[in-house]
Each structure stands twice: as C-alpha cells, then as structure tokens.
Amino acid sequence: MASREVHDMAKVGFGEGTNELYDRARPTYPSPSLDFMRAKLTGNGPFNIVEIGSGTGLFTRTLLAHPQWKDCVGKIHAVEPSPGMRQTFQAKTQDDRISVADGTFTQTGEKDNWADAVVVAQAFHWAHPNYDGAMAEIARILKPNGTAFFIWNMEDRDSARWVARVRELYESHEADTPQFRRNLWEEAFKTASYISSFHAPERFYTDWMVPTTNSGVQDRVLSKSYITALSEEEKKTLCIGIEGVLGEEEKTWIDQSVGSFQYPYKTTVIAMKRLS
C-alpha cells in the first residue's frame, strides 16, 4: 500500500510500540450509537462489512458483542495501514467472520459492491486531504442502498472543567494535524464523489460516561498520535501538568477511595446511504 496515502503523523503516532497503549487507553463505543447504526440497515443480514482504519479492533469487538449486531454480521473485512495495529487486532479479535489486511481510505483492496456497510471508527479525519478519493472508494465497495458510517468518541470538554483544562494542555502540542475537532472532514460531504453517490448525511449524538482514574486520563492523552510522537521528557512534563489539573478541579466520583471518577464523552455518528 502506498505509504504516501497515510498521514506522516499517523505513521509515527500509531506505529509499532504504541498499539497496546492505544487499545488499553481508548474507550469502547456506547450502545445507543450502535443501535442507531443498526437501524439504518434494512433486513436481518447477514451483513458484509468493511471497516477502514480498524486500528486494534476496538470498534470491531464492540460491534460483535452488541446484542443487535452480533447475530447479523456475515463477514467483516478490516483494513488498517499500521502493521503494529494489525498485529494487535489479530491477537485480540478472535472470530472466524473477521479478517484484517493492509489498506487505506483510497485503496481498500475490496471487491466492487461487496459491502452492505462501511464503517470508519475514530479515523476518518486521517483521510485529509483526499476526501474525494476516500468517498469514491467507499462508494465503489458499497452495494447500492448500502450505508457508510463514521463514528468518533471525543472527551466532552463542555461537561467538566477538568476535561477542558486537560484538553488545553494536550492540544497545545497538536500542531497542524487533521484532528476531528477541526472539522476538516466535513469537506467530504461537498466532494463530487459524495454528491454523486450518497444521500445527505444523517447525524446522531450521544453523551455518556467512562469510569477512569488519574492514570487512565494520562494514558488516554498519551495514546494520541501527536503526543506519542513527543520526547519522553515532554510526555513527563505533560503528565505532571495533567496531574496538577486533576488535583485542582472538582470531579464526579464513582469511588473516591480508589480514585475512580467519571470521564465524560460525546459520541458522534454520521450515516451516509448509498444511492441506488
């Protein structure tokens, strides 16, 4: 797969040696978001699914465990350009219906019109700047009337002051990367490939809480691509800053005796139905 199709920061930040932390630190996906996705597919399956940018398999495993999805999945062909992430995916995602292979947003290696659904979880912002090429590839592999989904989990800075302050600390290192919060990915819906092949996007949002600890917050931050690329000294300084914020700000405790508190998240899902 052509390496130029993968953003330089993604190559570094999600390269080998970062993947166990990513899998441990990142949250799963809330049930209402998967309920919404299931409601957008007609029939009982079995559904063929292509997952692009599948990472370590966090979304894949969540989908297979979900009561509305687990019995209607036919095959999932996962596509991931990072060898380290593919290795972690294979080690943690044990199911005969699943395969994972090298691939990118514009070169999935999939057959024409094979998929009932295409999913991109926590990754479509990395298609920048070739959104037109990505949407052309998604349209090519989807069946007529099939549906593509983008889904993201993001820490909700509006729900707790400590989240906003922690985000200010790590976003100062973001540099010029196409992160979700910058909304560059919205350009995909204006491309010729999208307009010629899809209905207008439908959006779904849900708020939820993840149990965490001080070290859990630090690991979540350290799993970010541009933070992974920092020096060890820079990471240490960042973690000291996070510890300071968490010590100063009020949190919603789950069990203060063990340091467990709520980490507020907002999940965004975009559903895009292929034209017939």
C-alpha atoms as a PDB file:
ATOM      1  CA  MET A   1       0.000   0.000   0.000  1.00  0.00           C
ATOM      2  CA  ALA A   2       1.440   3.383  -0.954  1.00  0.00           C
ATOM      3  CA  SER A   3       2.863   4.982   2.184  1.00  0.00           C
ATOM      4  CA  ARG A   4       2.173   8.494   0.887  1.00  0.00           C
ATOM      5  CA  GLU A   5      -1.539   7.824   1.435  1.00  0.00           C
ATOM      6  CA  VAL A   6      -1.020   7.645   5.211  1.00  0.00           C
ATOM      7  CA  HIS A   7      -0.531  10.943   7.063  1.00  0.00           C
ATOM      8  CA  ASP A   8       3.005  11.298   8.421  1.00  0.00           C
ATOM      9  CA  MET A   9       1.755  11.887  11.976  1.00  0.00           C
ATOM     10  CA  ALA A  10      -0.421   8.781  11.822  1.00  0.00           C
ATOM     11  CA  LYS A  11       2.590   6.734  10.703  1.00  0.00           C
ATOM     12  CA  VAL A  12       4.609   7.895  13.711  1.00  0.00           C
ATOM     13  CA  GLY A  13       1.855   8.153  16.289  1.00  0.00           C
ATOM     14  CA  PHE A  14       0.276   4.779  15.547  1.00  0.00           C
ATOM     15  CA  GLY A  15       3.439   2.899  14.641  1.00  0.00           C
ATOM     16  CA  GLU A  16       4.742  -0.244  16.281  1.00  0.00           C
ATOM     17  CA  GLY A  17       5.151   0.020  20.033  1.00  0.00           C
ATOM     18  CA  THR A  18       2.144   2.327  20.527  1.00  0.00           C
ATOM     19  CA  ASN A  19      -0.661  -0.134  19.945  1.00  0.00           C
ATOM     20  CA  GLU A  20      -1.089  -1.852  23.315  1.00  0.00           C
ATOM     21  CA  LEU A  21      -1.401   1.568  24.976  1.00  0.00           C
ATOM     22  CA  TYR A  22      -3.945   2.634  22.364  1.00  0.00           C
ATOM     23  CA  ASP A  23      -6.039  -0.479  22.892  1.00  0.00           C
ATOM     24  CA  ARG A  24      -5.913  -0.133  26.675  1.00  0.00           C
ATOM     25  CA  ALA A  25      -6.496   3.608  26.899  1.00  0.00           C
ATOM     26  CA  ARG A  26      -9.211   4.201  24.325  1.00  0.00           C
ATOM     27  CA  PRO A  27     -12.860   3.692  25.338  1.00  0.00           C
ATOM     28  CA  THR A  28     -15.323   1.320  23.737  1.00  0.00           C
ATOM     29  CA  TYR A  29     -18.422   2.649  21.937  1.00  0.00           C
ATOM     30  CA  PRO A  30     -21.781   3.356  23.636  1.00  0.00           C
ATOM     31  CA  SER A  31     -24.727   1.114  22.873  1.00  0.00           C
ATOM     32  CA  PRO A  32     -27.073   3.890  21.604  1.00  0.00           C
ATOM     33  CA  SER A  33     -24.637   4.718  18.809  1.00  0.00           C
ATOM     34  CA  LEU A  34     -24.635   1.102  17.627  1.00  0.00           C
ATOM     35  CA  ASP A  35     -28.438   0.963  17.947  1.00  0.00           C
ATOM     36  CA  PHE A  36     -28.629   3.965  15.605  1.00  0.00           C
ATOM     37  CA  MET A  37     -26.309   2.291  13.113  1.00  0.00           C
ATOM     38  CA  ARG A  38     -28.235  -0.982  13.126  1.00  0.00           C
ATOM     39  CA  ALA A  39     -31.491   0.882  12.483  1.00  0.00           C
ATOM     40  CA  LYS A  40     -30.010   2.285   9.267  1.00  0.00           C
ATOM     41  CA  LEU A  41     -29.587  -1.185   7.720  1.00  0.00           C
ATOM     42  CA  THR A  42     -32.677  -2.939   6.396  1.00  0.00           C
ATOM     43  CA  GLY A  43     -33.238  -6.661   6.724  1.00  0.00           C
ATOM     44  CA  ASN A  44     -31.801  -9.233   9.099  1.00  0.00           C
ATOM     45  CA  GLY A  45     -28.479  -9.868   7.410  1.00  0.00           C
ATOM     46  CA  PRO A  46     -26.058 -11.465   7.311  1.00  0.00           C
ATOM     47  CA  PHE A  47     -24.319  -8.170   6.516  1.00  0.00           C
ATOM     48  CA  ASN A  48     -20.931  -7.842   4.871  1.00  0.00           C
ATOM     49  CA  ILE A  49     -18.964  -5.022   6.489  1.00  0.00           C
ATOM     50  CA  VAL A  50     -15.746  -3.256   5.539  1.00  0.00           C
ATOM     51  CA  GLU A  51     -14.061  -1.392   8.364  1.00  0.00           C
ATOM     52  CA  ILE A  52     -11.451   1.122   7.195  1.00  0.00           C
ATOM     53  CA  GLY A  53      -8.798   2.269   9.651  1.00  0.00           C
ATOM     54  CA  SER A  54      -9.753  -0.532  12.023  1.00  0.00           C
ATOM     55  CA  GLY A  55      -6.856   0.076  14.412  1.00  0.00           C
ATOM     56  CA  THR A  56      -6.540  -2.503  17.166  1.00  0.00           C
ATOM     57  CA  GLY A  57     -10.106  -3.764  16.712  1.00  0.00           C
ATOM     58  CA  LEU A  58     -11.817  -1.787  19.488  1.00  0.00           C
ATOM     59  CA  PHE A  59     -14.865  -0.997  17.372  1.00  0.00           C
ATOM     60  CA  THR A  60     -14.909  -4.443  15.772  1.00  0.00           C
ATOM     61  CA  ARG A  61     -15.053  -6.183  19.137  1.00  0.00           C
ATOM     62  CA  THR A  62     -17.742  -3.792  20.382  1.00  0.00           C
ATOM     63  CA  LEU A  63     -19.867  -4.477  17.301  1.00  0.00           C
ATOM     64  CA  LEU A  64     -19.545  -8.254  17.654  1.00  0.00           C
ATOM     65  CA  ALA A  65     -20.623  -8.066  21.316  1.00  0.00           C
ATOM     66  CA  HIS A  66     -23.620  -5.800  20.725  1.00  0.00           C
ATOM     67  CA  PRO A  67     -26.989  -7.590  21.024  1.00  0.00           C
ATOM     68  CA  GLN A  68     -28.412  -6.050  17.837  1.00  0.00           C
ATOM     69  CA  TRP A  69     -25.319  -6.792  15.752  1.00  0.00           C
ATOM     70  CA  LYS A  70     -23.666  -9.982  16.962  1.00  0.00           C
ATOM     71  CA  ASP A  71     -26.008 -12.385  15.141  1.00  0.00           C
ATOM     72  CA  CYS A  72     -26.423 -10.426  11.897  1.00  0.00           C
ATOM     73  CA  VAL A  73     -22.771  -9.944  10.925  1.00  0.00           C
ATOM     74  CA  GLY A  74     -21.746 -12.016   7.936  1.00  0.00           C
ATOM     75  CA  LYS A  75     -18.131 -11.061   7.229  1.00  0.00           C
ATOM     76  CA  ILE A  76     -16.047  -8.115   8.408  1.00  0.00           C
ATOM     77  CA  HIS A  77     -13.098  -7.214   6.199  1.00  0.00           C
ATOM     78  CA  ALA A  78     -10.978  -4.837   8.264  1.00  0.00           C
ATOM     79  CA  VAL A  79      -8.423  -2.565   6.576  1.00  0.00           C
ATOM     80  CA  GLU A  80      -5.555  -0.961   8.529  1.00  0.00           C
ATOM     81  CA  PRO A  81      -2.251   0.508   7.251  1.00  0.00           C
ATOM     82  CA  SER A  82      -0.298   0.170  10.532  1.00  0.00           C
ATOM     83  CA  PRO A  83       1.439  -3.234  10.910  1.00  0.00           C
ATOM     84  CA  GLY A  84       1.511  -2.840  14.698  1.00  0.00           C
ATOM     85  CA  MET A  85      -2.192  -2.163  14.888  1.00  0.00           C
ATOM     86  CA  ARG A  86      -2.958  -5.087  12.586  1.00  0.00           C
ATOM     87  CA  GLN A  87      -0.892  -7.351  14.840  1.00  0.00           C
ATOM     88  CA  THR A  88      -2.804  -6.198  17.929  1.00  0.00           C
ATOM     89  CA  PHE A  89      -6.098  -6.566  16.047  1.00  0.00           C
ATOM     90  CA  GLN A  90      -5.303 -10.169  15.155  1.00  0.00           C
ATOM     91  CA  ALA A  91      -4.244 -11.012  18.713  1.00  0.00           C
ATOM     92  CA  LYS A  92      -7.354  -9.552  20.333  1.00  0.00           C
ATOM     93  CA  THR A  93     -10.114 -10.134  17.761  1.00  0.00           C
ATOM     94  CA  GLN A  94     -10.755 -13.859  17.526  1.00  0.00           C
ATOM     95  CA  ASP A  95     -13.708 -14.607  15.253  1.00  0.00           C
ATOM     96  CA  ASP A  96     -13.923 -16.696  12.068  1.00  0.00           C
ATOM     97  CA  ARG A  97     -16.011 -13.974  10.410  1.00  0.00           C
ATOM     98  CA  ILE A  98     -13.224 -11.394  10.683  1.00  0.00           C
ATOM     99  CA  SER A  99     -10.104 -10.696   8.634  1.00  0.00           C
ATOM    100  CA  VAL A 100      -7.695  -7.755   8.660  1.00  0.00           C
ATOM    101  CA  ALA A 101      -5.420  -6.629   5.832  1.00  0.00           C
ATOM    102  CA  ASP A 102      -3.216  -3.733   4.788  1.00  0.00           C
ATOM    103  CA  GLY A 103      -5.156  -0.903   3.153  1.00  0.00           C
ATOM    104  CA  THR A 104      -6.035   2.772   3.157  1.00  0.00           C
ATOM    105  CA  PHE A 105      -9.043   5.007   2.591  1.00  0.00           C
ATOM    106  CA  THR A 106      -8.458   5.103  -1.148  1.00  0.00           C
ATOM    107  CA  GLN A 107      -7.110   1.559  -1.605  1.00  0.00           C
ATOM    108  CA  THR A 108      -9.080  -0.976   0.417  1.00  0.00           C
ATOM    109  CA  GLY A 109      -8.449  -3.924  -1.908  1.00  0.00           C
ATOM    110  CA  GLU A 110     -12.142  -4.828  -1.661  1.00  0.00           C
ATOM    111  CA  LYS A 111     -14.422  -6.001  -4.485  1.00  0.00           C
ATOM    112  CA  ASP A 112     -16.918  -3.653  -6.109  1.00  0.00           C
ATOM    113  CA  ASN A 113     -20.322  -3.562  -4.410  1.00  0.00           C
ATOM    114  CA  TRP A 114     -19.353  -6.163  -1.782  1.00  0.00           C
ATOM    115  CA  ALA A 115     -20.286  -4.335   1.425  1.00  0.00           C
ATOM    116  CA  ASP A 116     -23.679  -3.769   2.988  1.00  0.00           C
ATOM    117  CA  ALA A 117     -21.965  -1.308   5.327  1.00  0.00           C
ATOM    118  CA  VAL A 118     -18.660   0.531   5.541  1.00  0.00           C
ATOM    119  CA  VAL A 119     -17.506   1.745   8.945  1.00  0.00           C
ATOM    120  CA  VAL A 120     -14.740   4.184   9.844  1.00  0.00           C
ATOM    121  CA  ALA A 121     -14.333   4.402  13.627  1.00  0.00           C
ATOM    122  CA  GLN A 122     -12.211   7.177  15.156  1.00  0.00           C
ATOM    123  CA  ALA A 123     -10.262   7.583  11.930  1.00  0.00           C
ATOM    124  CA  PHE A 124     -11.896   9.410   9.013  1.00  0.00           C
ATOM    125  CA  HIS A 125     -10.182  12.724   9.823  1.00  0.00           C
ATOM    126  CA  TRP A 126      -6.954  10.999   8.686  1.00  0.00           C
ATOM    127  CA  ALA A 127      -8.336  10.840   5.128  1.00  0.00           C
ATOM    128  CA  HIS A 128      -7.275  14.509   4.836  1.00  0.00           C
ATOM    129  CA  PRO A 129      -6.829  15.997   2.298  1.00  0.00           C
ATOM    130  CA  ASN A 130      -8.071  13.383  -0.205  1.00  0.00           C
ATOM    131  CA  TYR A 131     -11.690  13.238   0.930  1.00  0.00           C
ATOM    132  CA  ASP A 132     -12.907  12.931  -2.659  1.00  0.00           C
ATOM    133  CA  GLY A 133     -10.768   9.850  -3.249  1.00  0.00           C
ATOM    134  CA  ALA A 134     -11.890   8.324   0.047  1.00  0.00           C
ATOM    135  CA  MET A 135     -15.573   8.830  -0.735  1.00  0.00           C
ATOM    136  CA  ALA A 136     -15.076   7.409  -4.236  1.00  0.00           C
ATOM    137  CA  GLU A 137     -13.553   4.244  -2.747  1.00  0.00           C
ATOM    138  CA  ILE A 138     -16.304   3.908  -0.140  1.00  0.00           C
ATOM    139  CA  ALA A 139     -18.945   4.314  -2.858  1.00  0.00           C
ATOM    140  CA  ARG A 140     -17.193   1.715  -5.036  1.00  0.00           C
ATOM    141  CA  ILE A 141     -17.184  -1.040  -2.422  1.00  0.00           C
ATOM    142  CA  LEU A 142     -20.709  -0.369  -1.107  1.00  0.00           C
ATOM    143  CA  LYS A 143     -23.739  -2.091  -2.549  1.00  0.00           C
ATOM    144  CA  PRO A 144     -26.475   0.197  -3.929  1.00  0.00           C
ATOM    145  CA  ASN A 145     -28.526   1.383  -0.933  1.00  0.00           C
ATOM    146  CA  GLY A 146     -25.736   0.274   1.409  1.00  0.00           C
ATOM    147  CA  THR A 147     -24.726   2.608   4.226  1.00  0.00           C
ATOM    148  CA  ALA A 148     -21.413   4.071   5.318  1.00  0.00           C
ATOM    149  CA  PHE A 149     -20.802   5.211   8.891  1.00  0.00           C
ATOM    150  CA  PHE A 150     -18.256   7.489  10.518  1.00  0.00           C
ATOM    151  CA  ILE A 151     -18.098   7.330  14.319  1.00  0.00           C
ATOM    152  CA  TRP A 152     -15.963   9.212  16.825  1.00  0.00           C
ATOM    153  CA  ASN A 153     -15.634   9.213  20.617  1.00  0.00           C
ATOM    154  CA  MET A 154     -14.375  12.524  21.997  1.00  0.00           C
ATOM    155  CA  GLU A 155     -13.753  13.751  25.521  1.00  0.00           C
ATOM    156  CA  ASP A 156     -16.535  16.240  26.304  1.00  0.00           C
ATOM    157  CA  ARG A 157     -14.908  19.484  27.386  1.00  0.00           C
ATOM    158  CA  ASP A 158     -18.304  21.120  27.977  1.00  0.00           C
ATOM    159  CA  SER A 159     -19.302  18.622  30.689  1.00  0.00           C
ATOM    160  CA  ALA A 160     -16.458  19.163  33.162  1.00  0.00           C
ATOM    161  CA  ARG A 161     -13.933  21.957  33.667  1.00  0.00           C
ATOM    162  CA  TRP A 162     -11.101  19.480  34.262  1.00  0.00           C
ATOM    163  CA  VAL A 163     -11.669  17.939  30.821  1.00  0.00           C
ATOM    164  CA  ALA A 164     -11.423  21.357  29.181  1.00  0.00           C
ATOM    165  CA  ARG A 165      -8.198  22.160  31.034  1.00  0.00           C
ATOM    166  CA  VAL A 166      -6.614  18.805  30.214  1.00  0.00           C
ATOM    167  CA  ARG A 167      -7.544  19.255  26.559  1.00  0.00           C
ATOM    168  CA  GLU A 168      -5.905  22.692  26.537  1.00  0.00           C
ATOM    169  CA  LEU A 169      -2.698  21.054  27.760  1.00  0.00           C
ATOM    170  CA  TYR A 170      -2.500  18.364  25.107  1.00  0.00           C
ATOM    171  CA  GLU A 171      -3.979  20.364  22.240  1.00  0.00           C
ATOM    172  CA  SER A 172      -1.094  22.810  22.592  1.00  0.00           C
ATOM    173  CA  HIS A 173       1.024  20.015  21.033  1.00  0.00           C
ATOM    174  CA  GLU A 174      -1.403  19.285  18.204  1.00  0.00           C
ATOM    175  CA  ALA A 175       0.436  21.291  15.516  1.00  0.00           C
ATOM    176  CA  ASP A 176      -1.002  21.036  12.002  1.00  0.00           C
ATOM    177  CA  THR A 177      -2.722  17.657  12.143  1.00  0.00           C
ATOM    178  CA  PRO A 178      -6.255  16.989  10.814  1.00  0.00           C
ATOM    179  CA  GLN A 179      -7.849  16.232  14.179  1.00  0.00           C
ATOM    180  CA  PHE A 180     -11.596  15.563  14.464  1.00  0.00           C
ATOM    181  CA  ARG A 181     -12.262  18.778  16.394  1.00  0.00           C
ATOM    182  CA  ARG A 182     -11.032  20.887  13.454  1.00  0.00           C
ATOM    183  CA  ASN A 183     -13.958  19.596  11.333  1.00  0.00           C
ATOM    184  CA  LEU A 184     -11.856  19.413   8.172  1.00  0.00           C
ATOM    185  CA  TRP A 185     -13.535  16.062   7.464  1.00  0.00           C
ATOM    186  CA  GLU A 186     -16.819  17.908   6.794  1.00  0.00           C
ATOM    187  CA  GLU A 187     -15.354  18.705   3.372  1.00  0.00           C
ATOM    188  CA  ALA A 188     -16.066  15.081   2.401  1.00  0.00           C
ATOM    189  CA  PHE A 189     -19.775  15.888   2.058  1.00  0.00           C
ATOM    190  CA  LYS A 190     -19.027  18.612  -0.514  1.00  0.00           C
ATOM    191  CA  THR A 191     -16.939  16.438  -2.820  1.00  0.00           C
ATOM    192  CA  ALA A 192     -18.063  15.340  -6.267  1.00  0.00           C
ATOM    193  CA  SER A 193     -17.755  11.693  -5.242  1.00  0.00           C
ATOM    194  CA  TYR A 194     -20.045  12.182  -2.262  1.00  0.00           C
ATOM    195  CA  ILE A 195     -22.662  14.254  -4.059  1.00  0.00           C
ATOM    196  CA  SER A 196     -22.867  11.822  -6.993  1.00  0.00           C
ATOM    197  CA  SER A 197     -23.113   8.686  -4.856  1.00  0.00           C
ATOM    198  CA  PHE A 198     -24.799   9.382  -1.492  1.00  0.00           C
ATOM    199  CA  HIS A 199     -27.890  10.811   0.114  1.00  0.00           C
ATOM    200  CA  ALA A 200     -27.454  13.682   2.573  1.00  0.00           C
ATOM    201  CA  PRO A 201     -25.668  12.588   5.763  1.00  0.00           C
ATOM    202  CA  GLU A 202     -27.658  11.841   8.914  1.00  0.00           C
ATOM    203  CA  ARG A 203     -26.143  12.668  12.303  1.00  0.00           C
ATOM    204  CA  PHE A 204     -26.547  11.120  15.735  1.00  0.00           C
ATOM    205  CA  TYR A 205     -25.022  12.242  19.049  1.00  0.00           C
ATOM    206  CA  THR A 206     -24.959  10.638  22.457  1.00  0.00           C
ATOM    207  CA  ASP A 207     -23.382  11.659  25.775  1.00  0.00           C
ATOM    208  CA  TRP A 208     -22.007   9.042  28.139  1.00  0.00           C
ATOM    209  CA  MET A 209     -19.523   8.451  30.932  1.00  0.00           C
ATOM    210  CA  VAL A 210     -16.448   6.238  31.133  1.00  0.00           C
ATOM    211  CA  PRO A 211     -15.034   5.188  34.534  1.00  0.00           C
ATOM    212  CA  THR A 212     -11.436   6.378  34.856  1.00  0.00           C
ATOM    213  CA  THR A 213      -8.606   7.277  37.232  1.00  0.00           C
ATOM    214  CA  ASN A 214      -5.788   9.825  37.108  1.00  0.00           C
ATOM    215  CA  SER A 215      -3.558   7.296  35.341  1.00  0.00           C
ATOM    216  CA  GLY A 216      -6.409   6.450  32.957  1.00  0.00           C
ATOM    217  CA  VAL A 217      -6.687  10.094  31.913  1.00  0.00           C
ATOM    218  CA  GLN A 218      -2.943  10.285  31.384  1.00  0.00           C
ATOM    219  CA  ASP A 219      -2.943   7.100  29.291  1.00  0.00           C
ATOM    220  CA  ARG A 220      -5.807   8.436  27.172  1.00  0.00           C
ATOM    221  CA  VAL A 221      -3.787  11.551  26.413  1.00  0.00           C
ATOM    222  CA  LEU A 222      -0.579   9.593  25.801  1.00  0.00           C
ATOM    223  CA  SER A 223      -2.393   7.423  23.235  1.00  0.00           C
ATOM    224  CA  LYS A 224      -2.974  10.403  20.927  1.00  0.00           C
ATOM    225  CA  SER A 225      -0.869  10.327  17.775  1.00  0.00           C
ATOM    226  CA  TYR A 226       0.836  13.680  18.194  1.00  0.00           C
ATOM    227  CA  ILE A 227       1.507  13.021  21.899  1.00  0.00           C
ATOM    228  CA  THR A 228       3.029   9.617  21.131  1.00  0.00           C
ATOM    229  CA  ALA A 229       5.481  11.471  18.885  1.00  0.00           C
ATOM    230  CA  LEU A 230       6.769  13.703  21.743  1.00  0.00           C
ATOM    231  CA  SER A 231      10.024  13.078  23.562  1.00  0.00           C
ATOM    232  CA  GLU A 232       9.908  11.204  26.883  1.00  0.00           C
ATOM    233  CA  GLU A 233      10.744  14.424  28.719  1.00  0.00           C
ATOM    234  CA  GLU A 234       7.881  16.261  27.018  1.00  0.00           C
ATOM    235  CA  LYS A 235       5.479  13.449  27.891  1.00  0.00           C
ATOM    236  CA  LYS A 236       6.618  13.548  31.522  1.00  0.00           C
ATOM    237  CA  THR A 237       6.045  17.310  31.698  1.00  0.00           C
ATOM    238  CA  LEU A 238       2.591  16.897  30.152  1.00  0.00           C
ATOM    239  CA  CYS A 239       1.638  14.183  32.660  1.00  0.00           C
ATOM    240  CA  ILE A 240       2.751  16.391  35.556  1.00  0.00           C
ATOM    241  CA  GLY A 241       0.505  19.135  34.206  1.00  0.00           C
ATOM    242  CA  ILE A 242      -2.439  16.723  33.913  1.00  0.00           C
ATOM    243  CA  GLU A 243      -1.883  15.512  37.474  1.00  0.00           C
ATOM    244  CA  GLY A 244      -1.970  19.120  38.639  1.00  0.00           C
ATOM    245  CA  VAL A 245      -5.255  19.822  36.862  1.00  0.00           C
ATOM    246  CA  LEU A 246      -6.859  16.663  38.250  1.00  0.00           C
ATOM    247  CA  GLY A 247      -5.752  17.628  41.751  1.00  0.00           C
ATOM    248  CA  GLU A 248      -7.221  21.116  41.471  1.00  0.00           C
ATOM    249  CA  GLU A 249     -10.547  20.536  39.720  1.00  0.00           C
ATOM    250  CA  GLU A 250     -13.766  19.002  41.014  1.00  0.00           C
ATOM    251  CA  LYS A 251     -14.634  15.602  39.575  1.00  0.00           C
ATOM    252  CA  THR A 252     -17.723  13.376  39.719  1.00  0.00           C
ATOM    253  CA  TRP A 253     -16.553  10.485  41.853  1.00  0.00           C
ATOM    254  CA  ILE A 254     -17.554   6.882  41.340  1.00  0.00           C
ATOM    255  CA  ASP A 255     -15.462   5.594  44.244  1.00  0.00           C
ATOM    256  CA  GLN A 256     -13.171   8.189  45.743  1.00  0.00           C
ATOM    257  CA  SER A 257     -11.494   5.626  47.989  1.00  0.00           C
ATOM    258  CA  VAL A 258      -9.906   4.012  44.903  1.00  0.00           C
ATOM    259  CA  GLY A 259      -9.645   7.218  42.863  1.00  0.00           C
ATOM    260  CA  SER A 260     -12.351   6.292  40.339  1.00  0.00           C
ATOM    261  CA  PHE A 261     -14.348   9.095  38.684  1.00  0.00           C
ATOM    262  CA  GLN A 262     -16.429   9.806  35.577  1.00  0.00           C
ATOM    263  CA  TYR A 263     -14.830  10.745  32.263  1.00  0.00           C
ATOM    264  CA  PRO A 264     -17.492  12.490  30.130  1.00  0.00           C
ATOM    265  CA  TYR A 265     -17.582  11.642  26.435  1.00  0.00           C
ATOM    266  CA  LYS A 266     -19.662  12.638  23.413  1.00  0.00           C
ATOM    267  CA  THR A 267     -20.023  10.205  20.523  1.00  0.00           C
ATOM    268  CA  THR A 268     -20.789  11.405  17.001  1.00  0.00           C
ATOM    269  CA  VAL A 269     -22.129   9.098  14.284  1.00  0.00           C
ATOM    270  CA  ILE A 270     -22.608  10.060  10.642  1.00  0.00           C
ATOM    271  CA  ALA A 271     -24.738   7.741   8.458  1.00  0.00           C
ATOM    272  CA  MET A 272     -24.457   8.026   4.659  1.00  0.00           C
ATOM    273  CA  LYS A 273     -26.747   5.948   2.463  1.00  0.00           C
ATOM    274  CA  ARG A 274     -25.503   4.971  -0.998  1.00  0.00           C
ATOM    275  CA  LEU A 275     -27.761   5.912  -3.867  1.00  0.00           C
ATOM    276  CA  SER A 276     -29.498   3.023  -5.616  1.00  0.00           C
END
